[in-house]
Amino acid sequence: MKNLTLFLLVAVLPTSAFAASFGHDQGNGGDGYSLQFVGVGKKIVQYLKYQKTDLNIDALQEALDSTRVESTTEFLTLNGLPKDALNYPRQKRIVFNRGRWDAISRDEKPALVLHEYLGILGMEDASYKYSKSLIGEFAVANPKSGSSCVITGTEPVLHFEPAHTQRDREYYTIETAVYRGVTFFLKAGHGVARLEAWMGEKRLSNTFYSYGRDPQETDSLRLAVNSASGEEIEAQCGNVDAYLPE
């Protein structure tokens, strides 16, 4: 088959259980993992709209809109066999394991997501054969290389790194950086993007903007604080919307 490239924005971020709900009105269980799962599903639907396929895209879109997606730390099984995720067509519900989601590669996530939505539609997809044929060959990538945030005035430039732990139950952390004892976090939740500065357990300052507005108000953040020695440290984030859940 033709080589097809599917570019999916997948912020692979662990998150604490049952974070406050934000993003979609439907289609997720109110946690960052579920937002990732649904976000991948939305990208797949948009991709398939422009491909030749026998799949009913309108039905897939309806499944995406009406299915509740939940993440769990519980070990999932079906007929005694371990599973990354389970779908319940009658309940219009998908449950997936967070540990398995973190463990599988970015290239594998789209097939898993599509497989579960096909299950909601009652379609057979043994060993992911159909879902993989629909997606084809793809690359999972950010819309631009590098981090969206940097610490200014450093040599070389200090870029934020993807977050691997979560401490905030309301906002999930996208990226983070530590410099001169100050930790910066780029977070999202409740319709806002936040840039926070912390020293130890104390939050020094934060700034934010509301995303998803029309007209767009901004997609940049800038925050300056003083370190323990009194040195001013500034972080700047640009093109932040490209890193936020849709």
Protein backbone atom coordinates (compact mmCIF):
# COMPACT_ATOMS: atom_id res chain seq x y z
CA MET A 1 0.00 0.00 0.00
CA LYS A 2 1.05 3.58 -0.37
CA ASN A 3 3.29 5.06 2.24
CA LEU A 4 1.04 7.27 4.29
CA THR A 5 2.23 9.67 6.93
CA LEU A 6 0.01 10.54 9.85
CA PHE A 7 1.27 13.38 11.96
CA LEU A 8 -0.26 13.16 15.43
CA LEU A 9 0.34 15.55 18.29
CA VAL A 10 0.63 13.21 21.24
CA ALA A 11 1.93 14.70 24.43
CA VAL A 12 2.97 11.54 26.19
CA LEU A 13 2.55 12.66 29.72
CA PRO A 14 1.70 10.70 32.84
CA THR A 15 -0.91 12.33 35.02
CA SER A 16 -2.37 11.87 38.47
CA ALA A 17 -5.64 10.05 38.89
CA PHE A 18 -8.89 11.85 38.23
CA ALA A 19 -7.49 15.27 37.48
CA ALA A 20 -10.12 17.98 37.18
CA SER A 21 -12.09 17.86 33.95
CA PHE A 22 -11.13 20.13 31.07
CA GLY A 23 -11.06 20.01 27.29
CA HIS A 24 -13.86 18.02 25.69
CA ASP A 25 -17.38 18.23 27.05
CA GLN A 26 -17.74 14.56 26.22
CA GLY A 27 -15.45 11.72 25.34
CA ASN A 28 -13.10 11.59 28.32
CA GLY A 29 -13.09 10.74 31.98
CA GLY A 30 -11.70 14.10 33.04
CA ASP A 31 -8.01 13.17 33.26
CA GLY A 32 -4.96 13.99 31.21
CA TYR A 33 -4.46 10.44 29.96
CA SER A 34 -7.98 10.39 28.57
CA LEU A 35 -7.38 13.74 26.88
CA GLN A 36 -4.37 12.23 25.13
CA PHE A 37 -6.38 9.20 24.01
CA VAL A 38 -9.28 11.28 22.66
CA GLY A 39 -6.87 13.76 21.08
CA VAL A 40 -5.23 10.95 19.10
CA GLY A 41 -8.69 9.77 18.05
CA LYS A 42 -9.56 13.22 16.71
CA LYS A 43 -6.35 13.36 14.69
CA ILE A 44 -7.09 9.93 13.24
CA VAL A 45 -10.59 10.98 12.15
CA GLN A 46 -9.23 14.10 10.45
CA TYR A 47 -6.56 12.04 8.73
CA LEU A 48 -8.97 9.37 7.47
CA LYS A 49 -11.34 11.98 6.01
CA TYR A 50 -8.74 12.56 3.30
CA GLN A 51 -7.93 8.91 2.63
CA LYS A 52 -9.67 6.34 0.45
CA THR A 53 -11.25 3.91 2.86
CA ASP A 54 -14.36 1.76 3.20
CA LEU A 55 -14.74 2.84 6.82
CA ASN A 56 -17.77 5.01 7.63
CA ILE A 57 -15.98 8.12 8.88
CA ASP A 58 -19.20 9.73 10.09
CA ALA A 59 -19.86 6.68 12.27
CA LEU A 60 -16.30 6.85 13.61
CA GLN A 61 -16.77 10.54 14.41
CA GLU A 62 -20.02 9.76 16.23
CA ALA A 63 -18.26 7.06 18.25
CA LEU A 64 -15.52 9.53 19.14
CA ASP A 65 -18.05 12.15 20.24
CA SER A 66 -20.30 9.84 22.25
CA THR A 67 -17.84 7.40 23.86
CA ARG A 68 -16.60 8.00 27.39
CA VAL A 69 -12.88 7.28 27.73
CA GLU A 70 -11.39 6.48 31.12
CA SER A 71 -7.86 5.65 32.23
CA THR A 72 -7.06 3.37 35.13
CA THR A 73 -4.13 1.97 37.07
CA GLU A 74 -5.94 -1.37 37.35
CA PHE A 75 -4.61 -4.38 35.46
CA LEU A 76 -7.01 -5.13 32.59
CA THR A 77 -7.81 -8.62 31.36
CA LEU A 78 -10.23 -10.26 28.93
CA ASN A 79 -10.87 -13.99 29.18
CA GLY A 80 -7.82 -14.25 31.41
CA LEU A 81 -5.51 -12.48 28.95
CA PRO A 82 -3.84 -9.12 29.71
CA LYS A 83 -5.12 -6.17 27.70
CA ASP A 84 -3.93 -2.61 27.18
CA ALA A 85 -7.54 -1.42 26.88
CA LEU A 86 -11.12 -2.66 26.88
CA ASN A 87 -14.13 -1.33 25.01
CA TYR A 88 -17.80 -1.69 25.94
CA PRO A 89 -19.98 -0.94 22.89
CA ARG A 90 -23.33 -1.02 24.72
CA GLN A 91 -22.07 1.40 27.36
CA LYS A 92 -20.12 3.43 24.78
CA ARG A 93 -17.15 3.31 27.08
CA ILE A 94 -13.42 2.65 26.71
CA VAL A 95 -11.07 1.94 29.62
CA PHE A 96 -7.30 1.78 29.17
CA ASN A 97 -4.36 1.13 31.47
CA ARG A 98 -2.10 4.12 32.15
CA GLY A 99 1.00 2.04 32.64
CA ARG A 100 0.54 0.34 29.29
CA TRP A 101 -0.17 3.69 27.60
CA ASP A 102 3.13 5.03 28.94
CA ALA A 103 4.97 1.87 27.93
CA ILE A 104 3.90 1.61 24.29
CA SER A 105 5.66 3.78 21.74
CA ARG A 106 4.16 6.83 20.08
CA ASP A 107 3.99 4.89 16.83
CA GLU A 108 1.81 2.23 18.49
CA LYS A 109 -0.67 4.56 20.18
CA PRO A 110 -2.77 5.46 17.08
CA ALA A 111 -3.42 1.79 16.27
CA LEU A 112 -4.50 1.15 19.87
CA VAL A 113 -6.86 4.13 19.86
CA LEU A 114 -8.43 3.26 16.51
CA HIS A 115 -8.74 -0.39 17.51
CA GLU A 116 -10.81 0.53 20.56
CA TYR A 117 -13.11 2.89 18.65
CA LEU A 118 -13.63 0.21 16.02
CA GLY A 119 -14.67 -2.04 18.88
CA ILE A 120 -17.27 0.54 19.91
CA LEU A 121 -18.61 0.34 16.35
CA GLY A 122 -18.81 -3.46 16.68
CA MET A 123 -16.16 -4.03 14.03
CA GLU A 124 -13.72 -6.92 14.05
CA ASP A 125 -10.06 -5.91 14.29
CA ALA A 126 -8.15 -9.04 15.22
CA SER A 127 -4.52 -8.37 16.06
CA TYR A 128 -5.02 -4.71 14.99
CA LYS A 129 -4.90 -5.82 11.35
CA TYR A 130 -7.69 -3.53 10.13
CA SER A 131 -6.75 -0.51 12.24
CA LYS A 132 -3.14 -0.70 11.09
CA SER A 133 -4.20 -1.00 7.45
CA LEU A 134 -6.35 2.11 7.81
CA ILE A 135 -3.56 4.16 9.34
CA GLY A 136 -0.82 2.84 7.10
CA GLU A 137 2.75 3.87 7.74
CA PHE A 138 2.97 6.94 9.87
CA ALA A 139 5.21 9.06 12.07
CA VAL A 140 4.12 10.49 15.36
CA ALA A 141 5.64 13.92 15.72
CA ASN A 142 5.19 17.34 17.26
CA PRO A 143 4.20 20.08 14.83
CA LYS A 144 7.65 21.63 15.28
CA SER A 145 10.94 20.40 16.65
CA GLY A 146 12.25 21.38 20.04
CA SER A 147 10.54 22.60 23.16
CA SER A 148 7.98 25.39 23.22
CA CYS A 149 9.70 26.95 26.28
CA VAL A 150 13.22 28.14 27.08
CA ILE A 151 15.12 29.80 29.92
CA THR A 152 16.40 33.06 28.47
CA GLY A 153 19.95 34.33 28.84
CA THR A 154 21.61 30.92 29.14
CA GLU A 155 24.45 29.63 26.99
CA PRO A 156 23.68 27.24 25.43
CA VAL A 157 19.93 27.85 25.37
CA LEU A 158 18.19 25.81 28.05
CA HIS A 159 15.06 24.20 26.63
CA PHE A 160 12.26 22.78 28.75
CA GLU A 161 11.98 18.99 28.75
CA PRO A 162 8.82 16.81 28.60
CA ALA A 163 7.45 16.19 32.08
CA HIS A 164 7.61 12.65 33.40
CA THR A 165 5.90 13.13 36.76
CA GLN A 166 2.74 14.90 37.83
CA ARG A 167 2.07 16.63 41.16
CA ASP A 168 -0.88 18.84 40.24
CA ARG A 169 -4.34 17.27 40.28
CA GLU A 170 -5.95 20.23 38.49
CA TYR A 171 -3.49 20.90 35.69
CA TYR A 172 -1.29 18.44 33.85
CA THR A 173 2.32 19.37 33.27
CA ILE A 174 3.51 19.45 29.66
CA GLU A 175 7.12 20.58 30.07
CA THR A 176 9.51 21.60 32.83
CA ALA A 177 12.98 23.04 33.41
CA VAL A 178 15.20 23.69 36.44
CA TYR A 179 17.71 26.54 36.61
CA ARG A 180 19.53 28.04 39.60
CA GLY A 181 17.15 26.36 42.05
CA VAL A 182 13.98 27.58 40.27
CA THR A 183 11.68 25.03 38.62
CA PHE A 184 9.41 26.17 35.80
CA PHE A 185 6.34 24.23 34.65
CA LEU A 186 4.23 24.64 31.52
CA LYS A 187 0.76 23.30 32.36
CA ALA A 188 -2.71 23.09 30.83
CA GLY A 189 -6.19 22.70 32.27
CA HIS A 190 -9.58 24.37 32.67
CA GLY A 191 -9.13 26.02 29.28
CA VAL A 192 -5.92 27.83 30.19
CA ALA A 193 -2.20 27.40 29.59
CA ARG A 194 -0.09 28.22 32.66
CA LEU A 195 3.58 28.96 33.18
CA GLU A 196 4.56 28.52 36.84
CA ALA A 197 7.80 29.12 38.77
CA TRP A 198 8.55 27.19 41.98
CA MET A 199 11.35 27.10 44.51
CA GLY A 200 11.08 23.90 46.44
CA GLU A 201 7.46 23.57 47.59
CA LYS A 202 6.76 27.28 47.25
CA ARG A 203 5.18 28.70 44.12
CA LEU A 204 6.88 32.00 43.34
CA SER A 205 4.68 33.23 40.52
CA ASN A 206 2.59 32.19 37.53
CA THR A 207 1.04 33.56 34.39
CA PHE A 208 -1.58 32.16 32.03
CA TYR A 209 -3.82 32.73 29.03
CA SER A 210 -7.09 31.17 27.87
CA TYR A 211 -6.69 28.99 24.80
CA GLY A 212 -9.21 27.96 22.17
CA ARG A 213 -10.70 31.45 21.88
CA ASP A 214 -11.70 33.09 18.63
CA PRO A 215 -10.14 35.51 17.96
CA GLN A 216 -7.00 34.08 19.52
CA GLU A 217 -5.68 36.32 22.29
CA THR A 218 -2.11 34.94 22.36
CA ASP A 219 -0.21 31.68 22.45
CA SER A 220 2.90 32.94 24.25
CA LEU A 221 3.88 33.13 27.91
CA ARG A 222 6.66 34.97 29.73
CA LEU A 223 7.56 34.81 33.42
CA ALA A 224 10.48 36.30 35.38
CA VAL A 225 11.32 35.55 39.04
CA ASN A 226 14.30 35.95 41.34
CA SER A 227 16.42 33.02 42.47
CA ALA A 228 17.52 32.58 46.10
CA SER A 229 20.61 34.67 45.32
CA GLY A 230 18.51 37.48 43.86
CA GLU A 231 19.35 36.74 40.22
CA GLU A 232 16.47 37.31 37.81
CA ILE A 233 15.55 34.21 35.84
CA GLU A 234 13.13 34.43 32.95
CA ALA A 235 11.29 31.73 31.03
CA GLN A 236 9.53 32.25 27.72
CA CYS A 237 7.13 29.95 25.86
CA GLY A 238 6.04 30.42 22.26
CA ASN A 239 3.60 28.61 19.96
CA VAL A 240 2.08 27.07 23.08
CA ASP A 241 -1.21 26.19 21.35
CA ALA A 242 0.64 23.58 19.30
CA TYR A 243 1.39 21.67 22.52
CA LEU A 244 -2.08 21.80 24.05
CA PRO A 245 -4.81 19.14 23.89
CA GLU A 246 -7.49 19.81 21.31
